[in-house]
Amino acid sequence: MIHVVGIGLDGAAGLAPGVLMVVENAVLLVGSDRHLSYFPHHPGERLVLGDLKLGLQKLRRRLEAAPEEESIVVLTSGDPLFFGLGRLLVAQLPPETLIFHPHIS
């Protein structure tokens, strides 16, 4: 599963406890350098989204190879479905693999 987590300027401190647990349990964190910097001690693998096309290809391959219980988290700003990365993810990845956790925009 891919959890798409909206995050605010307050970083990890602004996340609800359940959402923070989702992030902490992820085996792969995906996001910009800024978003990833909110979790400097996260033990999982990291994927910096610079080139979106290349990043989505890597994410798709990882999703295909991942066991069902493995959790991937994509960090975005605010509400990912409100003019955000969420729409692109829905168009490029199987929608049934996506779970959205929006933050205030």
N, C-alpha and C. Protein backbone atom coordinates (compact mmCIF):
# COMPACT_ATOMS: atom_id res chain seq x y z
N MET A 1 0.83 -1.18 0.00
CA MET A 1 0.00 0.00 0.00
C MET A 1 0.87 1.24 0.00
N ILE A 2 0.34 2.28 -0.62
CA ILE A 2 1.00 3.58 -0.61
C ILE A 2 0.12 4.54 0.16
N HIS A 3 0.66 5.07 1.23
CA HIS A 3 -0.03 6.08 2.02
C HIS A 3 0.49 7.43 1.57
N VAL A 4 -0.40 8.29 1.11
CA VAL A 4 -0.03 9.63 0.68
C VAL A 4 -0.37 10.56 1.83
N VAL A 5 0.66 11.10 2.46
CA VAL A 5 0.50 11.87 3.69
C VAL A 5 0.75 13.34 3.41
N GLY A 6 -0.29 14.15 3.62
CA GLY A 6 -0.13 15.59 3.54
C GLY A 6 0.53 16.10 4.81
N ILE A 7 1.43 17.02 4.64
CA ILE A 7 2.19 17.52 5.79
C ILE A 7 2.24 19.04 5.71
N GLY A 8 2.20 19.69 6.86
CA GLY A 8 2.24 21.15 6.92
C GLY A 8 3.63 21.67 7.22
N LEU A 9 3.73 22.98 7.37
CA LEU A 9 5.03 23.60 7.65
C LEU A 9 5.59 23.21 9.01
N ASP A 10 4.72 22.70 9.89
CA ASP A 10 5.19 22.26 11.21
C ASP A 10 5.74 20.84 11.17
N GLY A 11 5.76 20.23 10.01
CA GLY A 11 6.38 18.91 9.83
C GLY A 11 5.70 17.81 10.61
N ALA A 12 6.49 16.93 11.17
CA ALA A 12 5.98 15.76 11.89
C ALA A 12 5.13 16.16 13.09
N ALA A 13 5.42 17.30 13.69
CA ALA A 13 4.67 17.74 14.88
C ALA A 13 3.20 18.00 14.57
N GLY A 14 2.88 18.30 13.32
CA GLY A 14 1.50 18.59 12.94
C GLY A 14 0.68 17.39 12.53
N LEU A 15 1.27 16.22 12.54
CA LEU A 15 0.56 15.01 12.12
C LEU A 15 -0.20 14.40 13.29
N ALA A 16 -1.37 13.86 13.00
CA ALA A 16 -2.14 13.12 14.00
C ALA A 16 -1.34 11.88 14.40
N PRO A 17 -1.51 11.41 15.64
CA PRO A 17 -0.73 10.25 16.10
C PRO A 17 -0.84 9.02 15.17
N GLY A 18 -2.03 8.74 14.66
CA GLY A 18 -2.19 7.58 13.78
C GLY A 18 -1.44 7.74 12.47
N VAL A 19 -1.45 8.94 11.93
CA VAL A 19 -0.74 9.21 10.68
C VAL A 19 0.77 9.16 10.92
N LEU A 20 1.19 9.70 12.04
CA LEU A 20 2.62 9.65 12.39
C LEU A 20 3.08 8.20 12.50
N MET A 21 2.25 7.33 13.04
CA MET A 21 2.59 5.92 13.15
C MET A 21 2.72 5.29 11.76
N VAL A 22 1.85 5.68 10.83
CA VAL A 22 1.94 5.18 9.46
C VAL A 22 3.30 5.56 8.87
N VAL A 23 3.71 6.79 9.07
CA VAL A 23 5.00 7.25 8.55
C VAL A 23 6.14 6.48 9.21
N GLU A 24 6.08 6.34 10.51
CA GLU A 24 7.15 5.65 11.24
C GLU A 24 7.30 4.19 10.84
N ASN A 25 6.21 3.55 10.41
CA ASN A 25 6.24 2.13 10.04
C ASN A 25 6.54 1.89 8.57
N ALA A 26 6.71 2.94 7.80
CA ALA A 26 6.97 2.79 6.37
C ALA A 26 8.36 2.22 6.12
N VAL A 27 8.45 1.37 5.12
CA VAL A 27 9.76 0.85 4.72
C VAL A 27 10.42 1.75 3.69
N LEU A 28 9.60 2.62 3.06
CA LEU A 28 10.09 3.56 2.06
C LEU A 28 9.38 4.88 2.24
N LEU A 29 10.17 5.97 2.39
CA LEU A 29 9.63 7.33 2.43
C LEU A 29 9.97 8.00 1.10
N VAL A 30 8.97 8.61 0.50
CA VAL A 30 9.12 9.28 -0.79
C VAL A 30 8.71 10.73 -0.60
N GLY A 31 9.48 11.65 -1.13
CA GLY A 31 9.10 13.05 -1.04
C GLY A 31 10.23 13.96 -1.46
N SER A 32 9.98 15.26 -1.31
CA SER A 32 11.01 16.24 -1.61
C SER A 32 12.05 16.22 -0.49
N ASP A 33 13.17 16.87 -0.75
CA ASP A 33 14.19 16.98 0.30
C ASP A 33 13.61 17.61 1.56
N ARG A 34 12.78 18.65 1.38
CA ARG A 34 12.20 19.34 2.53
C ARG A 34 11.31 18.41 3.33
N HIS A 35 10.43 17.67 2.66
CA HIS A 35 9.53 16.76 3.37
C HIS A 35 10.30 15.64 4.07
N LEU A 36 11.28 15.09 3.41
CA LEU A 36 12.07 14.02 4.02
C LEU A 36 12.88 14.53 5.21
N SER A 37 13.24 15.81 5.19
CA SER A 37 14.03 16.37 6.29
C SER A 37 13.24 16.42 7.60
N TYR A 38 11.91 16.33 7.53
CA TYR A 38 11.10 16.31 8.74
C TYR A 38 11.25 15.00 9.51
N PHE A 39 11.85 14.00 8.87
CA PHE A 39 12.02 12.67 9.49
C PHE A 39 13.48 12.24 9.36
N PRO A 40 14.40 12.98 10.00
CA PRO A 40 15.83 12.70 9.81
C PRO A 40 16.29 11.36 10.36
N HIS A 41 15.57 10.79 11.30
CA HIS A 41 16.00 9.53 11.92
C HIS A 41 15.17 8.34 11.47
N HIS A 42 14.38 8.52 10.44
CA HIS A 42 13.55 7.41 9.95
C HIS A 42 14.48 6.32 9.41
N PRO A 43 14.27 5.08 9.85
CA PRO A 43 15.19 4.00 9.46
C PRO A 43 14.96 3.45 8.06
N GLY A 44 13.85 3.80 7.43
CA GLY A 44 13.51 3.22 6.13
C GLY A 44 14.33 3.82 4.99
N GLU A 45 14.14 3.22 3.86
CA GLU A 45 14.75 3.70 2.63
C GLU A 45 14.09 5.02 2.23
N ARG A 46 14.81 5.85 1.49
CA ARG A 46 14.28 7.15 1.04
C ARG A 46 14.38 7.27 -0.47
N LEU A 47 13.38 7.93 -1.04
CA LEU A 47 13.39 8.23 -2.47
C LEU A 47 13.03 9.69 -2.61
N VAL A 48 14.00 10.49 -3.08
CA VAL A 48 13.77 11.92 -3.29
C VAL A 48 13.08 12.10 -4.63
N LEU A 49 11.94 12.80 -4.60
CA LEU A 49 11.20 13.07 -5.83
C LEU A 49 11.76 14.35 -6.44
N GLY A 50 12.64 14.20 -7.38
CA GLY A 50 13.15 15.34 -8.14
C GLY A 50 12.50 15.31 -9.50
N ASP A 51 12.92 14.38 -10.31
CA ASP A 51 12.33 14.13 -11.61
C ASP A 51 11.09 13.27 -11.38
N LEU A 52 9.90 13.85 -11.53
CA LEU A 52 8.66 13.12 -11.21
C LEU A 52 8.48 11.87 -12.06
N LYS A 53 8.81 11.95 -13.35
CA LYS A 53 8.63 10.78 -14.22
C LYS A 53 9.50 9.62 -13.74
N LEU A 54 10.74 9.90 -13.46
CA LEU A 54 11.66 8.86 -12.98
C LEU A 54 11.24 8.37 -11.60
N GLY A 55 10.85 9.29 -10.73
CA GLY A 55 10.41 8.93 -9.40
C GLY A 55 9.19 8.03 -9.41
N LEU A 56 8.22 8.33 -10.28
CA LEU A 56 7.02 7.50 -10.39
C LEU A 56 7.35 6.12 -10.95
N GLN A 57 8.29 6.04 -11.87
CA GLN A 57 8.71 4.74 -12.39
C GLN A 57 9.32 3.89 -11.27
N LYS A 58 10.17 4.50 -10.47
CA LYS A 58 10.79 3.77 -9.35
C LYS A 58 9.74 3.35 -8.33
N LEU A 59 8.80 4.24 -8.06
CA LEU A 59 7.73 3.93 -7.11
C LEU A 59 6.86 2.79 -7.62
N ARG A 60 6.53 2.80 -8.90
CA ARG A 60 5.71 1.73 -9.50
C ARG A 60 6.43 0.38 -9.41
N ARG A 61 7.73 0.37 -9.73
CA ARG A 61 8.50 -0.88 -9.64
C ARG A 61 8.56 -1.38 -8.21
N ARG A 62 8.76 -0.47 -7.27
CA ARG A 62 8.83 -0.86 -5.86
C ARG A 62 7.50 -1.42 -5.38
N LEU A 63 6.40 -0.80 -5.82
CA LEU A 63 5.07 -1.26 -5.44
C LEU A 63 4.81 -2.67 -5.98
N GLU A 64 5.21 -2.93 -7.20
CA GLU A 64 5.01 -4.24 -7.82
C GLU A 64 5.80 -5.33 -7.10
N ALA A 65 6.97 -4.98 -6.58
CA ALA A 65 7.83 -5.97 -5.93
C ALA A 65 7.56 -6.11 -4.44
N ALA A 66 6.80 -5.18 -3.87
CA ALA A 66 6.61 -5.15 -2.42
C ALA A 66 5.57 -6.16 -1.96
N PRO A 67 5.82 -6.80 -0.82
CA PRO A 67 4.78 -7.63 -0.22
C PRO A 67 3.60 -6.75 0.19
N GLU A 68 2.41 -7.35 0.25
CA GLU A 68 1.20 -6.58 0.57
C GLU A 68 1.28 -5.85 1.89
N GLU A 69 1.94 -6.43 2.87
CA GLU A 69 1.99 -5.81 4.20
C GLU A 69 3.01 -4.67 4.28
N GLU A 70 3.84 -4.52 3.25
CA GLU A 70 4.84 -3.47 3.24
C GLU A 70 4.18 -2.12 2.98
N SER A 71 4.57 -1.13 3.73
CA SER A 71 3.96 0.19 3.64
C SER A 71 4.95 1.20 3.05
N ILE A 72 4.48 1.92 2.05
CA ILE A 72 5.24 2.99 1.42
C ILE A 72 4.51 4.29 1.73
N VAL A 73 5.25 5.34 2.06
CA VAL A 73 4.64 6.63 2.35
C VAL A 73 5.20 7.67 1.38
N VAL A 74 4.28 8.40 0.74
CA VAL A 74 4.64 9.54 -0.09
C VAL A 74 4.24 10.78 0.69
N LEU A 75 5.20 11.64 0.97
CA LEU A 75 4.96 12.87 1.71
C LEU A 75 4.69 14.01 0.74
N THR A 76 3.61 14.76 0.97
CA THR A 76 3.25 15.89 0.11
C THR A 76 2.87 17.07 1.00
N SER A 77 2.67 18.20 0.38
CA SER A 77 2.24 19.39 1.12
C SER A 77 0.72 19.45 1.19
N GLY A 78 0.20 19.76 2.37
CA GLY A 78 -1.23 20.00 2.53
C GLY A 78 -2.11 18.83 2.12
N ASP A 79 -3.14 19.14 1.37
CA ASP A 79 -4.08 18.13 0.88
C ASP A 79 -3.63 17.66 -0.49
N PRO A 80 -3.13 16.43 -0.61
CA PRO A 80 -2.56 15.96 -1.87
C PRO A 80 -3.56 15.89 -3.02
N LEU A 81 -4.85 15.90 -2.73
CA LEU A 81 -5.85 15.84 -3.81
C LEU A 81 -6.38 17.21 -4.19
N PHE A 82 -5.89 18.27 -3.55
CA PHE A 82 -6.31 19.63 -3.86
C PHE A 82 -5.16 20.30 -4.61
N PHE A 83 -5.14 20.14 -5.93
CA PHE A 83 -4.08 20.66 -6.78
C PHE A 83 -2.71 20.16 -6.35
N GLY A 84 -2.64 18.91 -5.96
CA GLY A 84 -1.38 18.38 -5.47
C GLY A 84 -0.95 17.13 -6.21
N LEU A 85 0.02 16.47 -5.63
CA LEU A 85 0.61 15.27 -6.21
C LEU A 85 -0.38 14.11 -6.26
N GLY A 86 -1.40 14.15 -5.42
CA GLY A 86 -2.37 13.06 -5.36
C GLY A 86 -3.04 12.76 -6.68
N ARG A 87 -3.40 13.77 -7.42
CA ARG A 87 -4.06 13.56 -8.72
C ARG A 87 -3.15 12.83 -9.69
N LEU A 88 -1.88 13.18 -9.68
CA LEU A 88 -0.91 12.51 -10.55
C LEU A 88 -0.74 11.05 -10.12
N LEU A 89 -0.68 10.81 -8.83
CA LEU A 89 -0.55 9.44 -8.35
C LEU A 89 -1.75 8.58 -8.72
N VAL A 90 -2.95 9.15 -8.62
CA VAL A 90 -4.17 8.41 -8.99
C VAL A 90 -4.14 8.08 -10.48
N ALA A 91 -3.61 8.98 -11.30
CA ALA A 91 -3.56 8.75 -12.74
C ALA A 91 -2.47 7.75 -13.13
N GLN A 92 -1.39 7.67 -12.34
CA GLN A 92 -0.24 6.86 -12.72
C GLN A 92 -0.11 5.52 -12.00
N LEU A 93 -0.80 5.37 -10.88
CA LEU A 93 -0.68 4.14 -10.08
C LEU A 93 -2.06 3.53 -9.88
N PRO A 94 -2.12 2.25 -9.56
CA PRO A 94 -3.44 1.63 -9.31
C PRO A 94 -4.12 2.32 -8.12
N PRO A 95 -5.29 2.93 -8.35
CA PRO A 95 -5.97 3.67 -7.28
C PRO A 95 -6.25 2.84 -6.04
N GLU A 96 -6.44 1.55 -6.20
CA GLU A 96 -6.74 0.70 -5.04
C GLU A 96 -5.54 0.52 -4.12
N THR A 97 -4.36 0.96 -4.55
CA THR A 97 -3.17 0.86 -3.71
C THR A 97 -2.90 2.14 -2.93
N LEU A 98 -3.73 3.17 -3.13
CA LEU A 98 -3.49 4.48 -2.53
C LEU A 98 -4.45 4.77 -1.38
N ILE A 99 -3.89 5.25 -0.30
CA ILE A 99 -4.67 5.71 0.86
C ILE A 99 -4.20 7.13 1.15
N PHE A 100 -5.14 8.07 1.22
CA PHE A 100 -4.79 9.49 1.41
C PHE A 100 -5.05 9.94 2.84
N HIS A 101 -4.09 10.70 3.36
CA HIS A 101 -4.17 11.30 4.69
C HIS A 101 -3.92 12.81 4.50
N PRO A 102 -4.95 13.58 4.19
CA PRO A 102 -4.74 15.00 3.90
C PRO A 102 -4.44 15.81 5.16
N HIS A 103 -3.75 16.91 4.93
CA HIS A 103 -3.45 17.90 5.95
C HIS A 103 -4.13 19.19 5.51
N ILE A 104 -4.27 20.12 6.37
CA ILE A 104 -4.89 21.40 6.03
C ILE A 104 -4.06 22.09 4.97
N SER A 105 -4.72 22.58 3.93
CA SER A 105 -4.03 23.32 2.86
C SER A 105 -3.98 24.79 3.17
